[in-house]
């Protein structure tokens, strides 16, 4: 059977993530504060990148959060230096197509989503751009703890939100009770770890049947299962995006066993990392109460 472009793209992305994991880096635990206290942004549109693109760009060593196509950089007065290598990211584009309605036998126009790649360069790979695209470390940081607390407060205050309580020595989300339980904030190593853990459990709660209805939450089987692993990846990515948005720097488990688990899972399913990124983005949108026009 011939390979499709979508299969090739997903395999390429999976290989990039596996390479990072083998080198001891989990892209979903990027220290976002190193790039101005926020997520990677588009030079062309000014918007933050979304979904798996957040983590693909996290694999770079650049400190500027700004990225753009060759054309976008040129339009902002910059010039990509000769010999600089681009970074590939993905874009879902909607294409119209005429299909036959099986019931009526008539042609109808429907739209289909196609996965495409395009290449971007970091602002540090170009000359001539304004200082706006080169923020000093922490220059755009917000009062991270206050910002994170506001995000959580607003999420739990909405009608139909899960409940939240504190106490004990475990952090977990119960789908049956639609409830999050966390240890007291003082029991964490630091407030950054507390905020990241709260975001992680909030991420799980978005999988409830009344929200994003993710299989790993609605049909939980057992710890260590494939469904459990996929849901954990979504929660980790969601927490990483939210801590990035709030300018919180966190640490992560880079033990060999931890990294080996994800390497095995991603090798076994090339669609896993792209799908998890998309689901994490939907979770972030739900928690923040925002909707974007595109998934770039």
C-alpha atoms as a PDB file:
ATOM      1  CA  UNK A   1       0.000   0.000   0.000  1.00  0.00           C
ATOM      2  CA  UNK A   2       1.363   3.398  -0.997  1.00  0.00           C
ATOM      3  CA  UNK A   3       2.287   5.785   1.787  1.00  0.00           C
ATOM      4  CA  UNK A   4       0.307   9.023   2.079  1.00  0.00           C
ATOM      5  CA  UNK A   5       1.741  12.471   2.628  1.00  0.00           C
ATOM      6  CA  UNK A   6       0.016  12.573   6.004  1.00  0.00           C
ATOM      7  CA  UNK A   7       1.767   9.358   7.065  1.00  0.00           C
ATOM      8  CA  UNK A   8       5.126  10.765   5.978  1.00  0.00           C
ATOM      9  CA  UNK A   9       4.553  14.002   7.909  1.00  0.00           C
ATOM     10  CA  UNK A  10       3.529  12.195  11.074  1.00  0.00           C
ATOM     11  CA  UNK A  11       6.485   9.831  10.878  1.00  0.00           C
ATOM     12  CA  UNK A  12       8.871  12.754  10.391  1.00  0.00           C
ATOM     13  CA  UNK A  13       7.443  14.521  13.439  1.00  0.00           C
ATOM     14  CA  UNK A  14       7.583  11.332  15.509  1.00  0.00           C
ATOM     15  CA  UNK A  15      11.227  10.806  14.563  1.00  0.00           C
ATOM     16  CA  UNK A  16      12.097  14.362  15.619  1.00  0.00           C
ATOM     17  CA  UNK A  17      10.466  13.861  19.009  1.00  0.00           C
ATOM     18  CA  UNK A  18      12.077  10.425  19.497  1.00  0.00           C
ATOM     19  CA  UNK A  19      15.485  11.918  18.694  1.00  0.00           C
ATOM     20  CA  UNK A  20      14.938  14.553  21.378  1.00  0.00           C
ATOM     21  CA  UNK A  21      13.816  11.942  23.899  1.00  0.00           C
ATOM     22  CA  UNK A  22      16.875   9.823  23.158  1.00  0.00           C
ATOM     23  CA  UNK A  23      18.983  12.901  23.875  1.00  0.00           C
ATOM     24  CA  UNK A  24      17.259  13.292  27.253  1.00  0.00           C
ATOM     25  CA  UNK A  25      14.798  16.058  26.379  1.00  0.00           C
ATOM     26  CA  UNK A  26      11.002  15.842  26.575  1.00  0.00           C
ATOM     27  CA  UNK A  27       9.622  18.592  24.285  1.00  0.00           C
ATOM     28  CA  UNK A  28       6.506  18.958  26.433  1.00  0.00           C
ATOM     29  CA  UNK A  29       8.662  20.045  29.348  1.00  0.00           C
ATOM     30  CA  UNK A  30      10.366  22.973  27.664  1.00  0.00           C
ATOM     31  CA  UNK A  31      11.631  25.689  30.001  1.00  0.00           C
ATOM     32  CA  UNK A  32       9.462  28.338  28.368  1.00  0.00           C
ATOM     33  CA  UNK A  33      10.814  31.142  30.503  1.00  0.00           C
ATOM     34  CA  UNK A  34      13.957  30.923  28.387  1.00  0.00           C
ATOM     35  CA  UNK A  35      12.055  32.482  25.501  1.00  0.00           C
ATOM     36  CA  UNK A  36      10.573  35.545  27.080  1.00  0.00           C
ATOM     37  CA  UNK A  37       8.053  33.838  29.310  1.00  0.00           C
ATOM     38  CA  UNK A  38       5.610  32.736  26.639  1.00  0.00           C
ATOM     39  CA  UNK A  39       4.851  30.324  23.815  1.00  0.00           C
ATOM     40  CA  UNK A  40       6.429  30.552  20.338  1.00  0.00           C
ATOM     41  CA  UNK A  41       4.766  33.196  18.171  1.00  0.00           C
ATOM     42  CA  UNK A  42       4.382  33.899  14.465  1.00  0.00           C
ATOM     43  CA  UNK A  43       6.213  36.915  13.048  1.00  0.00           C
ATOM     44  CA  UNK A  44       3.626  37.120  10.283  1.00  0.00           C
ATOM     45  CA  UNK A  45       0.410  37.045  12.317  1.00  0.00           C
ATOM     46  CA  UNK A  46       1.642  37.854  15.810  1.00  0.00           C
ATOM     47  CA  UNK A  47      -0.335  34.878  17.141  1.00  0.00           C
ATOM     48  CA  UNK A  48       1.011  32.103  19.345  1.00  0.00           C
ATOM     49  CA  UNK A  49       1.574  28.778  17.588  1.00  0.00           C
ATOM     50  CA  UNK A  50      -0.766  25.990  18.526  1.00  0.00           C
ATOM     51  CA  UNK A  51      -0.939  22.233  18.960  1.00  0.00           C
ATOM     52  CA  UNK A  52       2.090  20.127  18.146  1.00  0.00           C
ATOM     53  CA  UNK A  53       3.859  23.135  16.593  1.00  0.00           C
ATOM     54  CA  UNK A  54       4.453  24.495  20.104  1.00  0.00           C
ATOM     55  CA  UNK A  55       6.555  21.446  20.905  1.00  0.00           C
ATOM     56  CA  UNK A  56       8.275  21.129  17.535  1.00  0.00           C
ATOM     57  CA  UNK A  57       9.596  24.677  17.944  1.00  0.00           C
ATOM     58  CA  UNK A  58      10.531  23.896  21.552  1.00  0.00           C
ATOM     59  CA  UNK A  59      13.153  21.485  20.253  1.00  0.00           C
ATOM     60  CA  UNK A  60      15.282  24.399  19.022  1.00  0.00           C
ATOM     61  CA  UNK A  61      17.966  26.116  21.063  1.00  0.00           C
ATOM     62  CA  UNK A  62      16.947  29.657  20.088  1.00  0.00           C
ATOM     63  CA  UNK A  63      15.976  32.098  22.840  1.00  0.00           C
ATOM     64  CA  UNK A  64      13.650  34.295  20.797  1.00  0.00           C
ATOM     65  CA  UNK A  65      10.016  33.137  20.768  1.00  0.00           C
ATOM     66  CA  UNK A  66       9.441  34.609  17.292  1.00  0.00           C
ATOM     67  CA  UNK A  67       9.303  32.489  14.129  1.00  0.00           C
ATOM     68  CA  UNK A  68       8.314  33.206  10.559  1.00  0.00           C
ATOM     69  CA  UNK A  69       8.478  32.037   6.986  1.00  0.00           C
ATOM     70  CA  UNK A  70      11.156  33.504   4.747  1.00  0.00           C
ATOM     71  CA  UNK A  71       8.498  35.762   3.226  1.00  0.00           C
ATOM     72  CA  UNK A  72       7.128  36.936   6.572  1.00  0.00           C
ATOM     73  CA  UNK A  73      10.596  37.817   7.846  1.00  0.00           C
ATOM     74  CA  UNK A  74      11.359  39.721   4.644  1.00  0.00           C
ATOM     75  CA  UNK A  75       8.106  41.660   4.935  1.00  0.00           C
ATOM     76  CA  UNK A  76       9.139  42.766   8.448  1.00  0.00           C
ATOM     77  CA  UNK A  77      12.405  44.158   7.083  1.00  0.00           C
ATOM     78  CA  UNK A  78      14.562  41.156   7.937  1.00  0.00           C
ATOM     79  CA  UNK A  79      16.778  38.899   5.879  1.00  0.00           C
ATOM     80  CA  UNK A  80      17.425  35.245   6.690  1.00  0.00           C
ATOM     81  CA  UNK A  81      21.158  34.684   6.688  1.00  0.00           C
ATOM     82  CA  UNK A  82      22.633  32.483   3.999  1.00  0.00           C
ATOM     83  CA  UNK A  83      23.086  28.874   5.084  1.00  0.00           C
ATOM     84  CA  UNK A  84      20.491  28.991   7.908  1.00  0.00           C
ATOM     85  CA  UNK A  85      18.341  25.854   8.148  1.00  0.00           C
ATOM     86  CA  UNK A  86      14.577  26.130   8.478  1.00  0.00           C
ATOM     87  CA  UNK A  87      12.359  24.219  10.899  1.00  0.00           C
ATOM     88  CA  UNK A  88       9.356  22.319   9.576  1.00  0.00           C
ATOM     89  CA  UNK A  89       5.993  22.695  11.286  1.00  0.00           C
ATOM     90  CA  UNK A  90       2.498  21.671  10.253  1.00  0.00           C
ATOM     91  CA  UNK A  91      -0.721  23.337   9.213  1.00  0.00           C
ATOM     92  CA  UNK A  92      -4.181  21.876   8.793  1.00  0.00           C
ATOM     93  CA  UNK A  93      -5.801  23.411   5.697  1.00  0.00           C
ATOM     94  CA  UNK A  94      -9.409  23.074   4.626  1.00  0.00           C
ATOM     95  CA  UNK A  95     -10.009  22.026   1.028  1.00  0.00           C
ATOM     96  CA  UNK A  96     -13.380  21.813  -0.760  1.00  0.00           C
ATOM     97  CA  UNK A  97     -14.282  18.637  -2.641  1.00  0.00           C
ATOM     98  CA  UNK A  98     -17.363  17.507  -4.559  1.00  0.00           C
ATOM     99  CA  UNK A  99     -18.715  14.178  -3.343  1.00  0.00           C
ATOM    100  CA  UNK A 100     -21.793  12.137  -4.235  1.00  0.00           C
ATOM    101  CA  UNK A 101     -24.527  12.006  -1.624  1.00  0.00           C
ATOM    102  CA  UNK A 102     -25.337   8.304  -1.322  1.00  0.00           C
ATOM    103  CA  UNK A 103     -28.968   9.042  -0.420  1.00  0.00           C
ATOM    104  CA  UNK A 104     -29.779  11.584  -3.142  1.00  0.00           C
ATOM    105  CA  UNK A 105     -27.192  10.663  -5.754  1.00  0.00           C
ATOM    106  CA  UNK A 106     -26.373  14.352  -6.195  1.00  0.00           C
ATOM    107  CA  UNK A 107     -23.010  16.063  -5.994  1.00  0.00           C
ATOM    108  CA  UNK A 108     -22.441  18.047  -2.838  1.00  0.00           C
ATOM    109  CA  UNK A 109     -19.564  20.263  -1.850  1.00  0.00           C
ATOM    110  CA  UNK A 110     -17.835  19.213   1.361  1.00  0.00           C
ATOM    111  CA  UNK A 111     -14.638  20.363   2.980  1.00  0.00           C
ATOM    112  CA  UNK A 112     -11.797  18.146   4.129  1.00  0.00           C
ATOM    113  CA  UNK A 113      -8.839  18.903   6.371  1.00  0.00           C
ATOM    114  CA  UNK A 114      -5.428  18.262   4.830  1.00  0.00           C
ATOM    115  CA  UNK A 115      -2.159  18.136   6.751  1.00  0.00           C
ATOM    116  CA  UNK A 116       0.631  20.205   5.215  1.00  0.00           C
ATOM    117  CA  UNK A 117       4.120  21.223   6.272  1.00  0.00           C
ATOM    118  CA  UNK A 118       5.769  24.600   5.923  1.00  0.00           C
ATOM    119  CA  UNK A 119       9.151  25.944   6.940  1.00  0.00           C
ATOM    120  CA  UNK A 120       9.926  28.720   9.386  1.00  0.00           C
ATOM    121  CA  UNK A 121      13.034  30.441  10.702  1.00  0.00           C
ATOM    122  CA  UNK A 122      13.686  31.862  14.139  1.00  0.00           C
ATOM    123  CA  UNK A 123      14.222  35.609  14.454  1.00  0.00           C
ATOM    124  CA  UNK A 124      17.799  34.887  15.554  1.00  0.00           C
ATOM    125  CA  UNK A 125      18.475  33.397  12.121  1.00  0.00           C
ATOM    126  CA  UNK A 126      17.841  36.730  10.417  1.00  0.00           C
ATOM    127  CA  UNK A 127      19.368  40.214  10.296  1.00  0.00           C
ATOM    128  CA  UNK A 128      17.466  43.483  10.163  1.00  0.00           C
ATOM    129  CA  UNK A 129      14.502  42.637  12.401  1.00  0.00           C
ATOM    130  CA  UNK A 130      13.452  45.094  15.098  1.00  0.00           C
ATOM    131  CA  UNK A 131      14.315  44.633  18.762  1.00  0.00           C
ATOM    132  CA  UNK A 132      10.727  43.549  19.367  1.00  0.00           C
ATOM    133  CA  UNK A 133      11.658  40.058  18.199  1.00  0.00           C
ATOM    134  CA  UNK A 134      14.575  39.661  20.627  1.00  0.00           C
ATOM    135  CA  UNK A 135      13.159  39.928  24.172  1.00  0.00           C
ATOM    136  CA  UNK A 136      15.579  39.544  27.035  1.00  0.00           C
ATOM    137  CA  UNK A 137      15.004  36.480  29.203  1.00  0.00           C
ATOM    138  CA  UNK A 138      12.014  37.124  31.395  1.00  0.00           C
ATOM    139  CA  UNK A 139      11.330  40.517  29.783  1.00  0.00           C
ATOM    140  CA  UNK A 140       7.786  39.546  28.858  1.00  0.00           C
ATOM    141  CA  UNK A 141       7.166  37.455  31.948  1.00  0.00           C
ATOM    142  CA  UNK A 142       4.025  38.067  33.947  1.00  0.00           C
ATOM    143  CA  UNK A 143       3.436  37.558  37.633  1.00  0.00           C
ATOM    144  CA  UNK A 144       3.343  33.831  36.932  1.00  0.00           C
ATOM    145  CA  UNK A 145       1.781  32.604  40.135  1.00  0.00           C
ATOM    146  CA  UNK A 146      -0.960  35.234  40.055  1.00  0.00           C
ATOM    147  CA  UNK A 147      -1.668  34.548  36.384  1.00  0.00           C
ATOM    148  CA  UNK A 148      -1.878  30.796  36.934  1.00  0.00           C
ATOM    149  CA  UNK A 149      -4.179  31.258  39.895  1.00  0.00           C
ATOM    150  CA  UNK A 150      -6.481  33.468  37.838  1.00  0.00           C
ATOM    151  CA  UNK A 151      -6.639  30.860  35.055  1.00  0.00           C
ATOM    152  CA  UNK A 152      -7.553  28.148  37.580  1.00  0.00           C
ATOM    153  CA  UNK A 153     -10.039  30.333  39.467  1.00  0.00           C
ATOM    154  CA  UNK A 154     -11.915  31.260  36.287  1.00  0.00           C
ATOM    155  CA  UNK A 155     -12.004  27.648  35.078  1.00  0.00           C
ATOM    156  CA  UNK A 156     -13.456  26.277  38.309  1.00  0.00           C
ATOM    157  CA  UNK A 157     -15.930  29.162  38.578  1.00  0.00           C
ATOM    158  CA  UNK A 158     -17.709  28.294  35.335  1.00  0.00           C
ATOM    159  CA  UNK A 159     -21.065  26.581  35.325  1.00  0.00           C
ATOM    160  CA  UNK A 160     -20.645  22.804  35.155  1.00  0.00           C
ATOM    161  CA  UNK A 161     -16.944  22.940  36.100  1.00  0.00           C
ATOM    162  CA  UNK A 162     -15.329  20.075  38.033  1.00  0.00           C
ATOM    163  CA  UNK A 163     -14.953  20.438  41.787  1.00  0.00           C
ATOM    164  CA  UNK A 164     -11.575  21.083  43.423  1.00  0.00           C
ATOM    165  CA  UNK A 165     -10.454  20.139  46.922  1.00  0.00           C
ATOM    166  CA  UNK A 166      -7.174  19.894  48.812  1.00  0.00           C
ATOM    167  CA  UNK A 167      -5.606  17.491  51.283  1.00  0.00           C
ATOM    168  CA  UNK A 168      -3.896  14.117  51.396  1.00  0.00           C
ATOM    169  CA  UNK A 169      -0.777  13.047  49.545  1.00  0.00           C
ATOM    170  CA  UNK A 170      -2.101  12.332  46.026  1.00  0.00           C
ATOM    171  CA  UNK A 171      -3.000  14.462  43.025  1.00  0.00           C
ATOM    172  CA  UNK A 172      -5.719  12.986  40.828  1.00  0.00           C
ATOM    173  CA  UNK A 173      -8.868  13.596  38.804  1.00  0.00           C
ATOM    174  CA  UNK A 174     -11.913  11.369  39.292  1.00  0.00           C
ATOM    175  CA  UNK A 175     -14.076  11.200  36.129  1.00  0.00           C
ATOM    176  CA  UNK A 176     -16.984   9.532  37.952  1.00  0.00           C
ATOM    177  CA  UNK A 177     -17.169  12.322  40.525  1.00  0.00           C
ATOM    178  CA  UNK A 178     -15.867  14.970  38.100  1.00  0.00           C
ATOM    179  CA  UNK A 179     -13.572  16.094  40.895  1.00  0.00           C
ATOM    180  CA  UNK A 180      -9.918  17.098  41.270  1.00  0.00           C
ATOM    181  CA  UNK A 181      -8.038  16.400  44.492  1.00  0.00           C
ATOM    182  CA  UNK A 182      -4.631  17.933  45.228  1.00  0.00           C
ATOM    183  CA  UNK A 183      -2.264  17.935  48.202  1.00  0.00           C
ATOM    184  CA  UNK A 184      -2.067  21.289  49.951  1.00  0.00           C
ATOM    185  CA  UNK A 185       0.060  23.838  48.101  1.00  0.00           C
ATOM    186  CA  UNK A 186       2.549  23.934  51.000  1.00  0.00           C
ATOM    187  CA  UNK A 187       3.272  20.222  50.504  1.00  0.00           C
ATOM    188  CA  UNK A 188       4.816  20.756  47.060  1.00  0.00           C
ATOM    189  CA  UNK A 189       8.524  21.467  46.567  1.00  0.00           C
ATOM    190  CA  UNK A 190       7.613  24.910  45.283  1.00  0.00           C
ATOM    191  CA  UNK A 191       4.736  26.927  43.881  1.00  0.00           C
ATOM    192  CA  UNK A 192       5.830  26.254  40.294  1.00  0.00           C
ATOM    193  CA  UNK A 193       5.398  22.528  40.869  1.00  0.00           C
ATOM    194  CA  UNK A 194       2.031  23.106  42.507  1.00  0.00           C
ATOM    195  CA  UNK A 195       0.738  25.188  39.603  1.00  0.00           C
ATOM    196  CA  UNK A 196       1.991  22.673  37.008  1.00  0.00           C
ATOM    197  CA  UNK A 197       0.356  19.781  38.864  1.00  0.00           C
ATOM    198  CA  UNK A 198      -2.928  21.645  39.157  1.00  0.00           C
ATOM    199  CA  UNK A 199      -2.836  22.352  35.407  1.00  0.00           C
ATOM    200  CA  UNK A 200      -2.103  18.655  34.782  1.00  0.00           C
ATOM    201  CA  UNK A 201      -5.203  17.535  36.673  1.00  0.00           C
ATOM    202  CA  UNK A 202      -7.274  20.318  35.107  1.00  0.00           C
ATOM    203  CA  UNK A 203      -6.172  18.927  31.754  1.00  0.00           C
ATOM    204  CA  UNK A 204      -7.509  15.475  32.679  1.00  0.00           C
ATOM    205  CA  UNK A 205     -10.822  17.050  33.667  1.00  0.00           C
ATOM    206  CA  UNK A 206     -11.274  18.459  30.157  1.00  0.00           C
ATOM    207  CA  UNK A 207     -11.567  14.862  28.936  1.00  0.00           C
ATOM    208  CA  UNK A 208     -14.862  14.410  30.823  1.00  0.00           C
ATOM    209  CA  UNK A 209     -17.826  13.354  28.663  1.00  0.00           C
ATOM    210  CA  UNK A 210     -19.411  16.789  29.132  1.00  0.00           C
ATOM    211  CA  UNK A 211     -16.345  18.566  27.771  1.00  0.00           C
ATOM    212  CA  UNK A 212     -13.855  17.157  25.225  1.00  0.00           C
ATOM    213  CA  UNK A 213     -15.001  13.552  25.782  1.00  0.00           C
ATOM    214  CA  UNK A 214     -11.596  11.862  25.469  1.00  0.00           C
ATOM    215  CA  UNK A 215     -11.560   8.085  25.511  1.00  0.00           C
ATOM    216  CA  UNK A 216      -8.688   7.897  27.989  1.00  0.00           C
ATOM    217  CA  UNK A 217     -10.849   9.672  30.587  1.00  0.00           C
ATOM    218  CA  UNK A 218     -14.288   8.289  29.776  1.00  0.00           C
ATOM    219  CA  UNK A 219     -13.150   4.658  29.455  1.00  0.00           C
ATOM    220  CA  UNK A 220     -10.294   4.329  31.946  1.00  0.00           C
ATOM    221  CA  UNK A 221      -9.053   0.742  32.151  1.00  0.00           C
ATOM    222  CA  UNK A 222      -5.835   0.583  34.178  1.00  0.00           C
ATOM    223  CA  UNK A 223      -2.601   2.402  34.869  1.00  0.00           C
ATOM    224  CA  UNK A 224       0.059   1.659  32.290  1.00  0.00           C
ATOM    225  CA  UNK A 225      -2.429   0.837  29.529  1.00  0.00           C
ATOM    226  CA  UNK A 226      -2.260   2.353  26.053  1.00  0.00           C
ATOM    227  CA  UNK A 227      -5.311   4.545  26.740  1.00  0.00           C
ATOM    228  CA  UNK A 228      -3.789   5.726  29.997  1.00  0.00           C
ATOM    229  CA  UNK A 229      -0.493   6.554  28.276  1.00  0.00           C
ATOM    230  CA  UNK A 230      -2.202   8.632  25.576  1.00  0.00           C
ATOM    231  CA  UNK A 231      -4.221  10.567  28.132  1.00  0.00           C
ATOM    232  CA  UNK A 232      -1.102  11.231  30.227  1.00  0.00           C
ATOM    233  CA  UNK A 233       0.659  12.666  27.183  1.00  0.00           C
ATOM    234  CA  UNK A 234      -2.288  14.988  26.505  1.00  0.00           C
ATOM    235  CA  UNK A 235      -2.277  16.129  30.137  1.00  0.00           C
ATOM    236  CA  UNK A 236       1.482  16.722  30.130  1.00  0.00           C
ATOM    237  CA  UNK A 237       1.292  18.746  26.916  1.00  0.00           C
ATOM    238  CA  UNK A 238      -1.659  20.755  28.208  1.00  0.00           C
ATOM    239  CA  UNK A 239       0.121  21.558  31.457  1.00  0.00           C
ATOM    240  CA  UNK A 240       3.243  22.549  29.513  1.00  0.00           C
ATOM    241  CA  UNK A 241       1.271  24.972  27.323  1.00  0.00           C
ATOM    242  CA  UNK A 242      -0.500  26.522  30.292  1.00  0.00           C
ATOM    243  CA  UNK A 243       2.660  26.951  32.356  1.00  0.00           C
ATOM    244  CA  UNK A 244       4.245  28.490  29.261  1.00  0.00           C
ATOM    245  CA  UNK A 245       1.391  30.936  28.836  1.00  0.00           C
ATOM    246  CA  UNK A 246       1.748  31.886  32.500  1.00  0.00           C
ATOM    247  CA  UNK A 247       5.543  32.147  32.333  1.00  0.00           C
ATOM    248  CA  UNK A 248       6.163  29.379  34.838  1.00  0.00           C
ATOM    249  CA  UNK A 249       9.420  27.451  34.679  1.00  0.00           C
ATOM    250  CA  UNK A 250       9.162  23.822  35.773  1.00  0.00           C
ATOM    251  CA  UNK A 251      11.458  20.830  36.042  1.00  0.00           C
ATOM    252  CA  UNK A 252      10.786  17.371  34.651  1.00  0.00           C
ATOM    253  CA  UNK A 253      11.634  13.732  35.123  1.00  0.00           C
ATOM    254  CA  UNK A 254      14.379  12.938  32.602  1.00  0.00           C
ATOM    255  CA  UNK A 255      15.088   9.494  33.974  1.00  0.00           C
ATOM    256  CA  UNK A 256      15.879   6.779  31.467  1.00  0.00           C
ATOM    257  CA  UNK A 257      12.729   4.824  32.337  1.00  0.00           C
ATOM    258  CA  UNK A 258      10.492   7.851  31.838  1.00  0.00           C
ATOM    259  CA  UNK A 259      11.981   8.736  28.467  1.00  0.00           C
ATOM    260  CA  UNK A 260      12.061   5.109  27.321  1.00  0.00           C
ATOM    261  CA  UNK A 261       8.324   4.807  27.981  1.00  0.00           C
ATOM    262  CA  UNK A 262       7.510   7.656  25.614  1.00  0.00           C
ATOM    263  CA  UNK A 263      10.001   6.490  22.978  1.00  0.00           C
ATOM    264  CA  UNK A 264       8.311   3.084  22.904  1.00  0.00           C
ATOM    265  CA  UNK A 265       4.817   4.585  22.707  1.00  0.00           C
ATOM    266  CA  UNK A 266       5.648   7.021  19.905  1.00  0.00           C
ATOM    267  CA  UNK A 267       7.527   4.416  17.895  1.00  0.00           C
ATOM    268  CA  UNK A 268       4.488   2.176  18.125  1.00  0.00           C
ATOM    269  CA  UNK A 269       2.105   4.834  16.826  1.00  0.00           C
ATOM    270  CA  UNK A 270       3.377   7.584  14.522  1.00  0.00           C
ATOM    271  CA  UNK A 271       0.050   9.430  14.812  1.00  0.00           C
ATOM    272  CA  UNK A 272       0.258   9.657  18.606  1.00  0.00           C
ATOM    273  CA  UNK A 273       2.294  12.829  18.993  1.00  0.00           C
ATOM    274  CA  UNK A 274       0.319  14.879  16.443  1.00  0.00           C
ATOM    275  CA  UNK A 275      -3.035  13.731  17.829  1.00  0.00           C
ATOM    276  CA  UNK A 276      -1.969  14.419  21.423  1.00  0.00           C
ATOM    277  CA  UNK A 277      -0.837  17.916  20.469  1.00  0.00           C
ATOM    278  CA  UNK A 278      -4.213  18.668  18.889  1.00  0.00           C
ATOM    279  CA  UNK A 279      -6.105  17.301  21.889  1.00  0.00           C
ATOM    280  CA  UNK A 280      -3.909  19.292  24.267  1.00  0.00           C
ATOM    281  CA  UNK A 281      -4.637  22.452  22.321  1.00  0.00           C
ATOM    282  CA  UNK A 282      -8.379  21.847  22.608  1.00  0.00           C
ATOM    283  CA  UNK A 283      -7.926  21.318  26.346  1.00  0.00           C
ATOM    284  CA  UNK A 284      -6.013  24.591  26.664  1.00  0.00           C
ATOM    285  CA  UNK A 285      -8.694  26.444  24.709  1.00  0.00           C
ATOM    286  CA  UNK A 286     -11.396  25.009  26.961  1.00  0.00           C
ATOM    287  CA  UNK A 287      -9.551  25.885  30.168  1.00  0.00           C
ATOM    288  CA  UNK A 288      -8.823  29.432  28.985  1.00  0.00           C
ATOM    289  CA  UNK A 289     -12.290  29.838  27.503  1.00  0.00           C
ATOM    290  CA  UNK A 290     -10.872  30.940  24.166  1.00  0.00           C
ATOM    291  CA  UNK A 291     -11.490  29.867  20.574  1.00  0.00           C
ATOM    292  CA  UNK A 292      -9.086  30.447  17.690  1.00  0.00           C
ATOM    293  CA  UNK A 293      -9.867  30.516  13.990  1.00  0.00           C
ATOM    294  CA  UNK A 294      -7.091  28.141  13.010  1.00  0.00           C
ATOM    295  CA  UNK A 295      -4.780  25.456  14.393  1.00  0.00           C
ATOM    296  CA  UNK A 296      -1.450  26.924  13.209  1.00  0.00           C
END
